[in-house]
PDB file of N, CA and C in Angstrom:
ATOM      1  N   MET A   1       0.871  -1.257   0.141  1.00  0.00           N
ATOM      2  CA  MET A   1       0.007   0.034   0.007  1.00  0.00           C
ATOM      3  C   MET A   1       0.935   1.260  -0.085  1.00  0.00           C
ATOM      4  N   PRO A   2       0.619   2.340  -1.049  1.00  0.00           N
ATOM      5  CA  PRO A   2       1.390   3.437  -0.733  1.00  0.00           C
ATOM      6  C   PRO A   2       1.240   4.227   0.513  1.00  0.00           C
ATOM      7  N   ARG A   3       2.314   4.802   0.732  1.00  0.00           N
ATOM      8  CA  ARG A   3       2.518   5.672   1.981  1.00  0.00           C
ATOM      9  C   ARG A   3       1.792   6.909   1.766  1.00  0.00           C
ATOM     10  N   SER A   4       1.085   7.619   2.602  1.00  0.00           N
ATOM     11  CA  SER A   4       0.503   8.785   2.600  1.00  0.00           C
ATOM     12  C   SER A   4       1.321  10.030   2.887  1.00  0.00           C
ATOM     13  N   LEU A   5       1.244  11.069   1.927  1.00  0.00           N
ATOM     14  CA  LEU A   5       2.213  12.248   2.049  1.00  0.00           C
ATOM     15  C   LEU A   5       1.343  13.587   2.263  1.00  0.00           C
ATOM     16  N   LEU A   6       1.807  14.287   3.055  1.00  0.00           N
ATOM     17  CA  LEU A   6       1.288  15.726   3.226  1.00  0.00           C
ATOM     18  C   LEU A   6       2.486  16.649   2.701  1.00  0.00           C
ATOM     19  N   ILE A   7       2.119  17.735   1.828  1.00  0.00           N
ATOM     20  CA  ILE A   7       3.064  18.534   1.348  1.00  0.00           C
ATOM     21  C   ILE A   7       2.754  19.943   2.065  1.00  0.00           C
ATOM     22  N   ILE A   8       3.446  20.548   2.862  1.00  0.00           N
ATOM     23  CA  ILE A   8       3.369  21.857   3.295  1.00  0.00           C
ATOM     24  C   ILE A   8       3.938  22.833   2.590  1.00  0.00           C
ATOM     25  N   SER A   9       3.094  23.733   2.004  1.00  0.00           N
ATOM     26  CA  SER A   9       3.684  24.833   1.211  1.00  0.00           C
ATOM     27  C   SER A   9       3.626  26.068   2.030  1.00  0.00           C
ATOM     28  N   ARG A  10       4.877  26.626   2.085  1.00  0.00           N
ATOM     29  CA  ARG A  10       4.958  27.906   3.022  1.00  0.00           C
ATOM     30  C   ARG A  10       5.461  29.113   2.445  1.00  0.00           C
ATOM     31  N   GLN A  11       5.877  29.080   1.104  1.00  0.00           N
ATOM     32  CA  GLN A  11       6.365  30.088   0.402  1.00  0.00           C
ATOM     33  C   GLN A  11       5.255  30.879  -0.488  1.00  0.00           C
ATOM     34  N   SER A  12       5.383  32.060  -0.645  1.00  0.00           N
ATOM     35  CA  SER A  12       4.423  32.844  -1.475  1.00  0.00           C
ATOM     36  C   SER A  12       4.792  32.427  -2.990  1.00  0.00           C
ATOM     37  N   PRO A  13       3.828  32.776  -3.880  1.00  0.00           N
ATOM     38  CA  PRO A  13       4.007  32.406  -5.214  1.00  0.00           C
ATOM     39  C   PRO A  13       5.021  33.123  -6.073  1.00  0.00           C
ATOM     40  N   TRP A  14       5.480  34.187  -5.401  1.00  0.00           N
ATOM     41  CA  TRP A  14       6.443  35.052  -6.232  1.00  0.00           C
ATOM     42  C   TRP A  14       7.949  35.243  -5.547  1.00  0.00           C
ATOM     43  N   SER A  15       8.044  34.303  -4.445  1.00  0.00           N
ATOM     44  CA  SER A  15       9.362  34.424  -3.771  1.00  0.00           C
ATOM     45  C   SER A  15      10.417  33.618  -4.185  1.00  0.00           C
ATOM     46  N   GLY A  16      10.195  32.841  -5.310  1.00  0.00           N
ATOM     47  CA  GLY A  16      10.980  31.980  -5.866  1.00  0.00           C
ATOM     48  C   GLY A  16      10.412  30.753  -6.382  1.00  0.00           C
ATOM     49  N   PRO A  17      11.133  29.521  -6.516  1.00  0.00           N
ATOM     50  CA  PRO A  17      10.482  28.329  -7.162  1.00  0.00           C
ATOM     51  C   PRO A  17      10.030  27.404  -6.145  1.00  0.00           C
ATOM     52  N   SER A  18       9.967  27.701  -5.000  1.00  0.00           N
ATOM     53  CA  SER A  18       9.526  26.868  -4.042  1.00  0.00           C
ATOM     54  C   SER A  18       7.762  26.493  -3.876  1.00  0.00           C
ATOM     55  N   ALA A  19       7.164  27.578  -4.221  1.00  0.00           N
ATOM     56  CA  ALA A  19       5.775  27.276  -4.579  1.00  0.00           C
ATOM     57  C   ALA A  19       5.429  26.265  -5.715  1.00  0.00           C
ATOM     58  N   ARG A  20       6.132  26.539  -6.838  1.00  0.00           N
ATOM     59  CA  ARG A  20       5.851  25.774  -7.944  1.00  0.00           C
ATOM     60  C   ARG A  20       6.270  24.391  -7.615  1.00  0.00           C
ATOM     61  N   GLU A  21       7.597  24.158  -7.043  1.00  0.00           N
ATOM     62  CA  GLU A  21       8.024  23.006  -6.646  1.00  0.00           C
ATOM     63  C   GLU A  21       7.174  22.014  -5.828  1.00  0.00           C
ATOM     64  N   ALA A  22       6.531  22.801  -4.956  1.00  0.00           N
ATOM     65  CA  ALA A  22       5.515  21.968  -4.137  1.00  0.00           C
ATOM     66  C   ALA A  22       4.288  21.437  -4.901  1.00  0.00           C
ATOM     67  N   LEU A  23       3.742  22.325  -5.876  1.00  0.00           N
ATOM     68  CA  LEU A  23       2.718  21.869  -6.729  1.00  0.00           C
ATOM     69  C   LEU A  23       3.083  20.681  -7.656  1.00  0.00           C
ATOM     70  N   ASP A  24       4.437  20.977  -8.077  1.00  0.00           N
ATOM     71  CA  ASP A  24       4.865  19.851  -9.058  1.00  0.00           C
ATOM     72  C   ASP A  24       4.873  18.515  -8.348  1.00  0.00           C
ATOM     73  N   ILE A  25       5.541  18.509  -7.029  1.00  0.00           N
ATOM     74  CA  ILE A  25       5.410  17.206  -6.297  1.00  0.00           C
ATOM     75  C   ILE A  25       4.009  16.709  -5.957  1.00  0.00           C
ATOM     76  N   ALA A  26       3.160  17.614  -5.756  1.00  0.00           N
ATOM     77  CA  ALA A  26       1.728  17.013  -5.539  1.00  0.00           C
ATOM     78  C   ALA A  26       1.077  16.389  -6.960  1.00  0.00           C
ATOM     79  N   LEU A  27       1.431  17.236  -7.963  1.00  0.00           N
ATOM     80  CA  LEU A  27       0.851  16.736  -9.315  1.00  0.00           C
ATOM     81  C   LEU A  27       1.539  15.384  -9.742  1.00  0.00           C
ATOM     82  N   ALA A  28       2.763  15.180  -9.383  1.00  0.00           N
ATOM     83  CA  ALA A  28       3.417  13.946  -9.822  1.00  0.00           C
ATOM     84  C   ALA A  28       2.905  12.931  -8.959  1.00  0.00           C
ATOM     85  N   GLY A  29       2.697  13.123  -7.440  1.00  0.00           N
ATOM     86  CA  GLY A  29       2.192  12.208  -6.723  1.00  0.00           C
ATOM     87  C   GLY A  29       0.806  11.892  -6.940  1.00  0.00           C
ATOM     88  N   GLY A  30      -0.034  12.800  -7.410  1.00  0.00           N
ATOM     89  CA  GLY A  30      -1.367  12.496  -7.816  1.00  0.00           C
ATOM     90  C   GLY A  30      -1.440  11.717  -9.001  1.00  0.00           C
ATOM     91  N   ALA A  31      -0.540  12.041  -9.957  1.00  0.00           N
ATOM     92  CA  ALA A  31      -0.492  11.066 -11.087  1.00  0.00           C
ATOM     93  C   ALA A  31      -0.209   9.653 -10.996  1.00  0.00           C
ATOM     94  N   PHE A  32       0.383   9.360  -9.825  1.00  0.00           N
ATOM     95  CA  PHE A  32       0.715   7.876  -9.459  1.00  0.00           C
ATOM     96  C   PHE A  32      -0.134   7.452  -8.200  1.00  0.00           C
ATOM     97  N   ASP A  33      -1.300   7.979  -8.177  1.00  0.00           N
ATOM     98  CA  ASP A  33      -2.358   7.651  -7.198  1.00  0.00           C
ATOM     99  C   ASP A  33      -1.712   7.567  -5.711  1.00  0.00           C
ATOM    100  N   LEU A  34      -0.776   8.491  -5.576  1.00  0.00           N
ATOM    101  CA  LEU A  34      -0.356   8.502  -4.030  1.00  0.00           C
ATOM    102  C   LEU A  34      -1.234   9.203  -3.121  1.00  0.00           C
ATOM    103  N   PRO A  35      -1.712   8.604  -1.993  1.00  0.00           N
ATOM    104  CA  PRO A  35      -2.548   9.447  -1.061  1.00  0.00           C
ATOM    105  C   PRO A  35      -1.943  10.686  -0.595  1.00  0.00           C
ATOM    106  N   LEU A  36      -2.193  11.763  -0.973  1.00  0.00           N
ATOM    107  CA  LEU A  36      -1.624  12.978  -0.617  1.00  0.00           C
ATOM    108  C   LEU A  36      -2.471  14.103  -0.348  1.00  0.00           C
ATOM    109  N   ALA A  37      -2.036  15.115   0.376  1.00  0.00           N
ATOM    110  CA  ALA A  37      -2.826  16.205   0.667  1.00  0.00           C
ATOM    111  C   ALA A  37      -1.859  17.465   0.675  1.00  0.00           C
ATOM    112  N   MET A  38      -2.230  18.697   0.633  1.00  0.00           N
ATOM    113  CA  MET A  38      -1.592  19.976   0.542  1.00  0.00           C
ATOM    114  C   MET A  38      -1.912  20.697   1.759  1.00  0.00           C
ATOM    115  N   LEU A  39      -1.188  21.315   2.395  1.00  0.00           N
ATOM    116  CA  LEU A  39      -1.508  22.186   3.391  1.00  0.00           C
ATOM    117  C   LEU A  39      -0.614  23.614   3.210  1.00  0.00           C
ATOM    118  N   PHE A  40      -1.472  24.811   3.014  1.00  0.00           N
ATOM    119  CA  PHE A  40      -0.861  25.862   2.675  1.00  0.00           C
ATOM    120  C   PHE A  40      -0.818  26.795   4.077  1.00  0.00           C
ATOM    121  N   LEU A  41       0.504  27.224   4.405  1.00  0.00           N
ATOM    122  CA  LEU A  41       0.860  27.739   5.712  1.00  0.00           C
ATOM    123  C   LEU A  41       1.676  28.765   5.497  1.00  0.00           C
ATOM    124  N   ASP A  42       1.722  29.858   6.499  1.00  0.00           N
ATOM    125  CA  ASP A  42       2.489  31.091   6.386  1.00  0.00           C
ATOM    126  C   ASP A  42       2.005  31.808   5.090  1.00  0.00           C
ATOM    127  N   ASP A  43       3.251  32.318   4.348  1.00  0.00           N
ATOM    128  CA  ASP A  43       3.065  32.824   3.069  1.00  0.00           C
ATOM    129  C   ASP A  43       2.671  32.028   2.145  1.00  0.00           C
ATOM    130  N   GLY A  44       2.555  30.781   2.246  1.00  0.00           N
ATOM    131  CA  GLY A  44       1.928  29.754   1.280  1.00  0.00           C
ATOM    132  C   GLY A  44       0.399  30.091   1.016  1.00  0.00           C
ATOM    133  N   VAL A  45      -0.120  30.583   2.113  1.00  0.00           N
ATOM    134  CA  VAL A  45      -1.603  30.978   1.697  1.00  0.00           C
ATOM    135  C   VAL A  45      -1.777  31.872   0.700  1.00  0.00           C
ATOM    136  N   LEU A  46      -0.767  32.779   0.339  1.00  0.00           N
ATOM    137  CA  LEU A  46      -0.881  33.749  -0.729  1.00  0.00           C
ATOM    138  C   LEU A  46      -0.965  33.118  -1.947  1.00  0.00           C
ATOM    139  N   GLN A  47      -0.640  31.955  -2.246  1.00  0.00           N
ATOM    140  CA  GLN A  47      -0.869  31.191  -3.358  1.00  0.00           C
ATOM    141  C   GLN A  47      -2.327  31.084  -3.706  1.00  0.00           C
ATOM    142  N   LEU A  48      -3.150  31.081  -2.808  1.00  0.00           N
ATOM    143  CA  LEU A  48      -4.667  30.788  -2.917  1.00  0.00           C
ATOM    144  C   LEU A  48      -5.445  31.901  -3.494  1.00  0.00           C
ATOM    145  N   LEU A  49      -4.790  33.162  -3.518  1.00  0.00           N
ATOM    146  CA  LEU A  49      -5.464  34.401  -3.817  1.00  0.00           C
ATOM    147  C   LEU A  49      -5.701  34.268  -5.402  1.00  0.00           C
ATOM    148  N   PRO A  50      -6.788  34.831  -5.874  1.00  0.00           N
ATOM    149  CA  PRO A  50      -7.107  34.629  -7.312  1.00  0.00           C
ATOM    150  C   PRO A  50      -6.449  35.799  -8.076  1.00  0.00           C
ATOM    151  N   ALA A  51      -6.469  35.916  -9.432  1.00  0.00           N
ATOM    152  CA  ALA A  51      -5.836  37.133 -10.056  1.00  0.00           C
ATOM    153  C   ALA A  51      -4.565  37.576  -9.812  1.00  0.00           C
ATOM    154  N   GLN A  52      -3.549  36.595  -9.730  1.00  0.00           N
ATOM    155  CA  GLN A  52      -2.353  37.202  -9.383  1.00  0.00           C
ATOM    156  C   GLN A  52      -1.567  37.487 -10.668  1.00  0.00           C
ATOM    157  N   SER A  53      -0.646  38.523 -10.570  1.00  0.00           N
ATOM    158  CA  SER A  53       0.133  39.201 -11.700  1.00  0.00           C
ATOM    159  C   SER A  53       1.568  38.722 -11.743  1.00  0.00           C
ATOM    160  N   ALA A  54       1.627  37.474 -12.159  1.00  0.00           N
ATOM    161  CA  ALA A  54       2.960  36.788 -12.034  1.00  0.00           C
ATOM    162  C   ALA A  54       3.927  37.355 -13.310  1.00  0.00           C
ATOM    163  N   ILE A  55       3.329  37.655 -14.408  1.00  0.00           N
ATOM    164  CA  ILE A  55       4.043  38.359 -15.381  1.00  0.00           C
ATOM    165  C   ILE A  55       4.887  39.634 -14.864  1.00  0.00           C
ATOM    166  N   GLN A  56       4.139  40.567 -14.317  1.00  0.00           N
ATOM    167  CA  GLN A  56       4.808  41.837 -13.609  1.00  0.00           C
ATOM    168  C   GLN A  56       5.986  41.507 -12.800  1.00  0.00           C
ATOM    169  N   LEU A  57       5.970  40.397 -12.121  1.00  0.00           N
ATOM    170  CA  LEU A  57       7.097  40.054 -11.348  1.00  0.00           C
ATOM    171  C   LEU A  57       8.079  39.118 -12.033  1.00  0.00           C
ATOM    172  N   GLN A  58       7.784  38.934 -13.281  1.00  0.00           N
ATOM    173  CA  GLN A  58       8.771  38.115 -14.125  1.00  0.00           C
ATOM    174  C   GLN A  58       8.949  36.681 -13.429  1.00  0.00           C
ATOM    175  N   GLN A  59       7.673  36.098 -13.143  1.00  0.00           N
ATOM    176  CA  GLN A  59       7.626  34.775 -12.576  1.00  0.00           C
ATOM    177  C   GLN A  59       6.616  34.220 -13.381  1.00  0.00           C
ATOM    178  N   LYS A  60       6.532  32.703 -13.337  1.00  0.00           N
ATOM    179  CA  LYS A  60       5.463  31.913 -13.926  1.00  0.00           C
ATOM    180  C   LYS A  60       4.355  31.898 -13.097  1.00  0.00           C
ATOM    181  N   ASP A  61       3.131  31.958 -13.777  1.00  0.00           N
ATOM    182  CA  ASP A  61       1.883  31.787 -12.963  1.00  0.00           C
ATOM    183  C   ASP A  61       1.463  30.539 -12.533  1.00  0.00           C
ATOM    184  N   ILE A  62       1.171  30.115 -11.410  1.00  0.00           N
ATOM    185  CA  ILE A  62       0.931  28.796 -10.697  1.00  0.00           C
ATOM    186  C   ILE A  62      -0.469  28.581 -10.700  1.00  0.00           C
ATOM    187  N   THR A  63      -1.281  29.344 -11.319  1.00  0.00           N
ATOM    188  CA  THR A  63      -2.839  29.276 -11.230  1.00  0.00           C
ATOM    189  C   THR A  63      -3.222  28.064 -11.780  1.00  0.00           C
ATOM    190  N   ALA A  64      -2.718  27.731 -12.954  1.00  0.00           N
ATOM    191  CA  ALA A  64      -3.063  26.670 -13.738  1.00  0.00           C
ATOM    192  C   ALA A  64      -2.747  25.228 -12.965  1.00  0.00           C
ATOM    193  N   ASN A  65      -1.732  25.382 -12.196  1.00  0.00           N
ATOM    194  CA  ASN A  65      -1.139  24.017 -11.496  1.00  0.00           C
ATOM    195  C   ASN A  65      -2.004  23.793 -10.401  1.00  0.00           C
ATOM    196  N   LEU A  66      -2.417  24.952  -9.531  1.00  0.00           N
ATOM    197  CA  LEU A  66      -3.528  24.879  -8.538  1.00  0.00           C
ATOM    198  C   LEU A  66      -4.908  24.317  -9.022  1.00  0.00           C
ATOM    199  N   GLN A  67      -5.310  24.735 -10.138  1.00  0.00           N
ATOM    200  CA  GLN A  67      -6.571  24.288 -10.575  1.00  0.00           C
ATOM    201  C   GLN A  67      -6.391  22.868 -11.252  1.00  0.00           C
ATOM    202  N   ALA A  68      -5.094  22.430 -11.624  1.00  0.00           N
ATOM    203  CA  ALA A  68      -5.073  20.971 -12.070  1.00  0.00           C
ATOM    204  C   ALA A  68      -5.172  19.931 -10.746  1.00  0.00           C
ATOM    205  N   LEU A  69      -5.001  20.342  -9.727  1.00  0.00           N
ATOM    206  CA  LEU A  69      -4.788  19.488  -8.577  1.00  0.00           C
ATOM    207  C   LEU A  69      -5.796  18.520  -8.456  1.00  0.00           C
ATOM    208  N   SER A  70      -7.027  18.940  -8.525  1.00  0.00           N
ATOM    209  CA  SER A  70      -8.233  18.061  -8.529  1.00  0.00           C
ATOM    210  C   SER A  70      -8.232  17.224  -9.649  1.00  0.00           C
ATOM    211  N   MET A  71      -7.979  17.542 -10.803  1.00  0.00           N
ATOM    212  CA  MET A  71      -7.742  16.527 -12.108  1.00  0.00           C
ATOM    213  C   MET A  71      -6.796  15.371 -11.808  1.00  0.00           C
ATOM    214  N   PHE A  72      -5.765  15.660 -10.761  1.00  0.00           N
ATOM    215  CA  PHE A  72      -4.839  14.642 -10.575  1.00  0.00           C
ATOM    216  C   PHE A  72      -5.032  13.975  -9.271  1.00  0.00           C
ATOM    217  N   GLY A  73      -6.319  14.164  -8.804  1.00  0.00           N
ATOM    218  CA  GLY A  73      -6.673  13.349  -7.679  1.00  0.00           C
ATOM    219  C   GLY A  73      -6.178  13.961  -6.221  1.00  0.00           C
ATOM    220  N   VAL A  74      -5.667  15.237  -6.348  1.00  0.00           N
ATOM    221  CA  VAL A  74      -5.355  15.744  -5.069  1.00  0.00           C
ATOM    222  C   VAL A  74      -6.522  16.664  -4.687  1.00  0.00           C
ATOM    223  N   GLU A  75      -7.309  16.178  -3.736  1.00  0.00           N
ATOM    224  CA  GLU A  75      -8.471  16.830  -3.307  1.00  0.00           C
ATOM    225  C   GLU A  75      -8.422  17.252  -1.764  1.00  0.00           C
ATOM    226  N   ASP A  76      -7.543  16.777  -1.192  1.00  0.00           N
ATOM    227  CA  ASP A  76      -7.498  17.382   0.219  1.00  0.00           C
ATOM    228  C   ASP A  76      -6.663  18.438   0.382  1.00  0.00           C
ATOM    229  N   LEU A  77      -7.183  19.661   0.450  1.00  0.00           N
ATOM    230  CA  LEU A  77      -6.349  20.965   0.404  1.00  0.00           C
ATOM    231  C   LEU A  77      -6.632  21.759   1.648  1.00  0.00           C
ATOM    232  N   PHE A  78      -5.752  22.086   2.389  1.00  0.00           N
ATOM    233  CA  PHE A  78      -5.972  22.763   3.647  1.00  0.00           C
ATOM    234  C   PHE A  78      -5.328  23.920   3.659  1.00  0.00           C
ATOM    235  N   ALA A  79      -5.691  25.001   4.516  1.00  0.00           N
ATOM    236  CA  ALA A  79      -4.974  26.259   4.825  1.00  0.00           C
ATOM    237  C   ALA A  79      -5.126  26.675   6.366  1.00  0.00           C
ATOM    238  N   CYS A  80      -4.081  27.297   6.730  1.00  0.00           N
ATOM    239  CA  CYS A  80      -4.208  27.601   8.225  1.00  0.00           C
ATOM    240  C   CYS A  80      -4.873  28.994   8.374  1.00  0.00           C
ATOM    241  N   ARG A  81      -5.828  28.943   9.379  1.00  0.00           N
ATOM    242  CA  ARG A  81      -6.645  29.898   9.703  1.00  0.00           C
ATOM    243  C   ARG A  81      -5.739  31.289  10.166  1.00  0.00           C
ATOM    244  N   THR A  82      -4.826  30.873  11.055  1.00  0.00           N
ATOM    245  CA  THR A  82      -3.952  32.074  11.612  1.00  0.00           C
ATOM    246  C   THR A  82      -3.190  32.569  10.439  1.00  0.00           C
ATOM    247  N   SER A  83      -2.576  31.804   9.368  1.00  0.00           N
ATOM    248  CA  SER A  83      -1.894  32.484   8.427  1.00  0.00           C
ATOM    249  C   SER A  83      -2.752  33.282   7.471  1.00  0.00           C
ATOM    250  N   LEU A  84      -4.083  32.850   7.297  1.00  0.00           N
ATOM    251  CA  LEU A  84      -5.068  33.778   6.520  1.00  0.00           C
ATOM    252  C   LEU A  84      -5.263  35.105   7.271  1.00  0.00           C
ATOM    253  N   ALA A  85      -5.595  34.870   8.492  1.00  0.00           N
ATOM    254  CA  ALA A  85      -5.902  36.129   9.173  1.00  0.00           C
ATOM    255  C   ALA A  85      -4.762  37.139   9.443  1.00  0.00           C
ATOM    256  N   GLU A  86      -3.551  36.709   9.567  1.00  0.00           N
ATOM    257  CA  GLU A  86      -2.324  37.412   9.628  1.00  0.00           C
ATOM    258  C   GLU A  86      -2.157  38.248   8.353  1.00  0.00           C
ATOM    259  N   ARG A  87      -2.619  37.827   7.341  1.00  0.00           N
ATOM    260  CA  ARG A  87      -2.437  38.595   6.060  1.00  0.00           C
ATOM    261  C   ARG A  87      -3.809  39.088   5.526  1.00  0.00           C
ATOM    262  N   GLY A  88      -4.716  39.241   6.435  1.00  0.00           N
ATOM    263  CA  GLY A  88      -5.920  39.916   6.186  1.00  0.00           C
ATOM    264  C   GLY A  88      -6.775  39.197   5.114  1.00  0.00           C
ATOM    265  N   MET A  89      -6.661  38.040   4.862  1.00  0.00           N
ATOM    266  CA  MET A  89      -7.277  37.093   4.010  1.00  0.00           C
ATOM    267  C   MET A  89      -8.510  36.466   4.529  1.00  0.00           C
ATOM    268  N   LEU A  90      -9.699  36.380   3.749  1.00  0.00           N
ATOM    269  CA  LEU A  90     -10.957  35.677   4.177  1.00  0.00           C
ATOM    270  C   LEU A  90     -11.047  34.343   3.351  1.00  0.00           C
ATOM    271  N   PRO A  91     -11.509  33.272   3.996  1.00  0.00           N
ATOM    272  CA  PRO A  91     -11.495  32.087   3.072  1.00  0.00           C
ATOM    273  C   PRO A  91     -12.530  32.255   2.025  1.00  0.00           C
ATOM    274  N   ASP A  92     -13.466  33.046   2.172  1.00  0.00           N
ATOM    275  CA  ASP A  92     -14.527  33.209   0.919  1.00  0.00           C
ATOM    276  C   ASP A  92     -13.728  33.780  -0.408  1.00  0.00           C
ATOM    277  N   GLU A  93     -12.608  34.462  -0.042  1.00  0.00           N
ATOM    278  CA  GLU A  93     -11.895  35.173  -1.323  1.00  0.00           C
ATOM    279  C   GLU A  93     -10.851  34.274  -1.854  1.00  0.00           C
ATOM    280  N   LEU A  94     -10.810  33.267  -1.481  1.00  0.00           N
ATOM    281  CA  LEU A  94      -9.610  32.223  -2.084  1.00  0.00           C
ATOM    282  C   LEU A  94     -10.190  31.611  -3.255  1.00  0.00           C
ATOM    283  N   SER A  95      -9.211  31.128  -4.085  1.00  0.00           N
ATOM    284  CA  SER A  95      -9.403  30.432  -5.387  1.00  0.00           C
ATOM    285  C   SER A  95      -9.673  29.001  -5.388  1.00  0.00           C
ATOM    286  N   MET A  96      -9.611  28.395  -4.317  1.00  0.00           N
ATOM    287  CA  MET A  96      -9.417  26.793  -4.255  1.00  0.00           C
ATOM    288  C   MET A  96     -10.827  26.240  -3.710  1.00  0.00           C
ATOM    289  N   GLU A  97     -11.254  25.376  -4.482  1.00  0.00           N
ATOM    290  CA  GLU A  97     -12.512  24.588  -3.937  1.00  0.00           C
ATOM    291  C   GLU A  97     -12.286  23.202  -3.984  1.00  0.00           C
ATOM    292  N   PRO A  98     -12.495  22.426  -3.094  1.00  0.00           N
ATOM    293  CA  PRO A  98     -12.801  22.568  -1.720  1.00  0.00           C
ATOM    294  C   PRO A  98     -11.572  22.763  -0.828  1.00  0.00           C
ATOM    295  N   LEU A  99     -11.628  23.761  -0.023  1.00  0.00           N
ATOM    296  CA  LEU A  99     -10.424  24.112   0.742  1.00  0.00           C
ATOM    297  C   LEU A  99     -10.898  23.853   2.295  1.00  0.00           C
ATOM    298  N   HIS A 100     -10.149  23.384   3.139  1.00  0.00           N
ATOM    299  CA  HIS A 100     -10.593  23.161   4.432  1.00  0.00           C
ATOM    300  C   HIS A 100      -9.655  24.322   5.265  1.00  0.00           C
ATOM    301  N   VAL A 101     -10.219  25.115   5.932  1.00  0.00           N
ATOM    302  CA  VAL A 101      -9.448  26.007   6.902  1.00  0.00           C
ATOM    303  C   VAL A 101      -9.375  25.508   8.118  1.00  0.00           C
ATOM    304  N   LEU A 102      -8.230  25.378   8.787  1.00  0.00           N
ATOM    305  CA  LEU A 102      -7.866  24.574  10.014  1.00  0.00           C
ATOM    306  C   LEU A 102      -7.367  25.723  11.070  1.00  0.00           C
ATOM    307  N   ARG A 103      -7.787  25.383  12.220  1.00  0.00           N
ATOM    308  CA  ARG A 103      -6.921  26.075  13.512  1.00  0.00           C
ATOM    309  C   ARG A 103      -5.666  25.462  13.659  1.00  0.00           C
ATOM    310  N   ASP A 104      -4.777  25.959  14.512  1.00  0.00           N
ATOM    311  CA  ASP A 104      -3.530  25.680  14.590  1.00  0.00           C
ATOM    312  C   ASP A 104      -3.668  24.202  15.307  1.00  0.00           C
ATOM    313  N   GLN A 105      -4.399  23.902  16.307  1.00  0.00           N
ATOM    314  CA  GLN A 105      -4.364  22.566  16.974  1.00  0.00           C
ATOM    315  C   GLN A 105      -4.906  21.408  15.966  1.00  0.00           C
ATOM    316  N   GLU A 106      -5.724  21.976  15.014  1.00  0.00           N
ATOM    317  CA  GLU A 106      -6.248  20.950  13.879  1.00  0.00           C
ATOM    318  C   GLU A 106      -5.094  20.591  12.906  1.00  0.00           C
ATOM    319  N   ILE A 107      -4.153  21.529  12.905  1.00  0.00           N
ATOM    320  CA  ILE A 107      -3.031  21.312  11.937  1.00  0.00           C
ATOM    321  C   ILE A 107      -2.000  20.138  12.559  1.00  0.00           C
ATOM    322  N   ALA A 108      -1.732  20.210  13.848  1.00  0.00           N
ATOM    323  CA  ALA A 108      -0.985  19.177  14.449  1.00  0.00           C
ATOM    324  C   ALA A 108      -1.616  17.895  14.223  1.00  0.00           C
ATOM    325  N   ALA A 109      -3.082  17.714  14.410  1.00  0.00           N
ATOM    326  CA  ALA A 109      -3.675  16.585  14.080  1.00  0.00           C
ATOM    327  C   ALA A 109      -3.494  16.008  12.647  1.00  0.00           C
ATOM    328  N   LEU A 110      -3.657  17.122  11.698  1.00  0.00           N
ATOM    329  CA  LEU A 110      -3.478  16.753  10.397  1.00  0.00           C
ATOM    330  C   LEU A 110      -2.105  16.051  10.021  1.00  0.00           C
ATOM    331  N   ILE A 111      -1.176  16.668  10.398  1.00  0.00           N
ATOM    332  CA  ILE A 111       0.214  16.092  10.171  1.00  0.00           C
ATOM    333  C   ILE A 111       0.337  14.885  10.661  1.00  0.00           C
ATOM    334  N   ASP A 112      -0.202  14.336  11.957  1.00  0.00           N
ATOM    335  CA  ASP A 112       0.033  13.171  12.461  1.00  0.00           C
ATOM    336  C   ASP A 112      -0.717  12.108  11.694  1.00  0.00           C
ATOM    337  N   ARG A 113      -1.783  12.423  10.714  1.00  0.00           N
ATOM    338  CA  ARG A 113      -2.456  11.475   9.903  1.00  0.00           C
ATOM    339  C   ARG A 113      -1.538  10.891   8.753  1.00  0.00           C
ATOM    340  N   TYR A 114      -0.371  11.584   8.537  1.00  0.00           N
ATOM    341  CA  TYR A 114       0.330  11.163   7.143  1.00  0.00           C
ATOM    342  C   TYR A 114       1.635  10.530   7.616  1.00  0.00           C
ATOM    343  N   ASP A 115       1.956   9.672   6.577  1.00  0.00           N
ATOM    344  CA  ASP A 115       3.085   8.805   6.841  1.00  0.00           C
ATOM    345  C   ASP A 115       4.436   9.659   6.795  1.00  0.00           C
ATOM    346  N   GLN A 116       4.340  10.553   5.582  1.00  0.00           N
ATOM    347  CA  GLN A 116       5.580  11.477   5.303  1.00  0.00           C
ATOM    348  C   GLN A 116       4.993  12.730   5.208  1.00  0.00           C
ATOM    349  N   VAL A 117       5.858  13.783   5.657  1.00  0.00           N
ATOM    350  CA  VAL A 117       5.511  15.161   5.380  1.00  0.00           C
ATOM    351  C   VAL A 117       6.736  15.826   4.826  1.00  0.00           C
ATOM    352  N   ILE A 118       6.431  16.714   3.835  1.00  0.00           N
ATOM    353  CA  ILE A 118       7.397  17.360   3.038  1.00  0.00           C
ATOM    354  C   ILE A 118       7.091  18.830   3.327  1.00  0.00           C
ATOM    355  N   THR A 119       7.918  19.774   3.715  1.00  0.00           N
ATOM    356  CA  THR A 119       7.748  21.191   3.799  1.00  0.00           C
ATOM    357  C   THR A 119       8.708  21.893   2.937  1.00  0.00           C
ATOM    358  N   ILE A 120       7.927  22.761   2.084  1.00  0.00           N
ATOM    359  CA  ILE A 120       8.705  23.494   1.033  1.00  0.00           C
ATOM    360  C   ILE A 120       8.300  24.915   1.314  1.00  0.00           C
TER     361      ILE A 120
END
């Protein structure tokens, strides 16, 4: 039986390649039916905002990769409520569906559910 994987994405979409790499890992794992989930934490929640202007920052847009997650079977998507609040973001304004917003104590329980955890 495949081991389950939780990918914790902590970087903003424009701070370098980390956000894209986390999505690439999720898409690859999903393509091989690996049981996995993604948690957007800290600046990683900024990836969930719609209408990002990646071209102005000379970065590649990750919106298509985010939208492709469900097509690759990655449907367990989580965001940290505290990270959202610290950045003035509301769950209703995010571009991901379905997205589960978790409190800090729920995040610890989420991490414990997975065999392997990658933080990027």
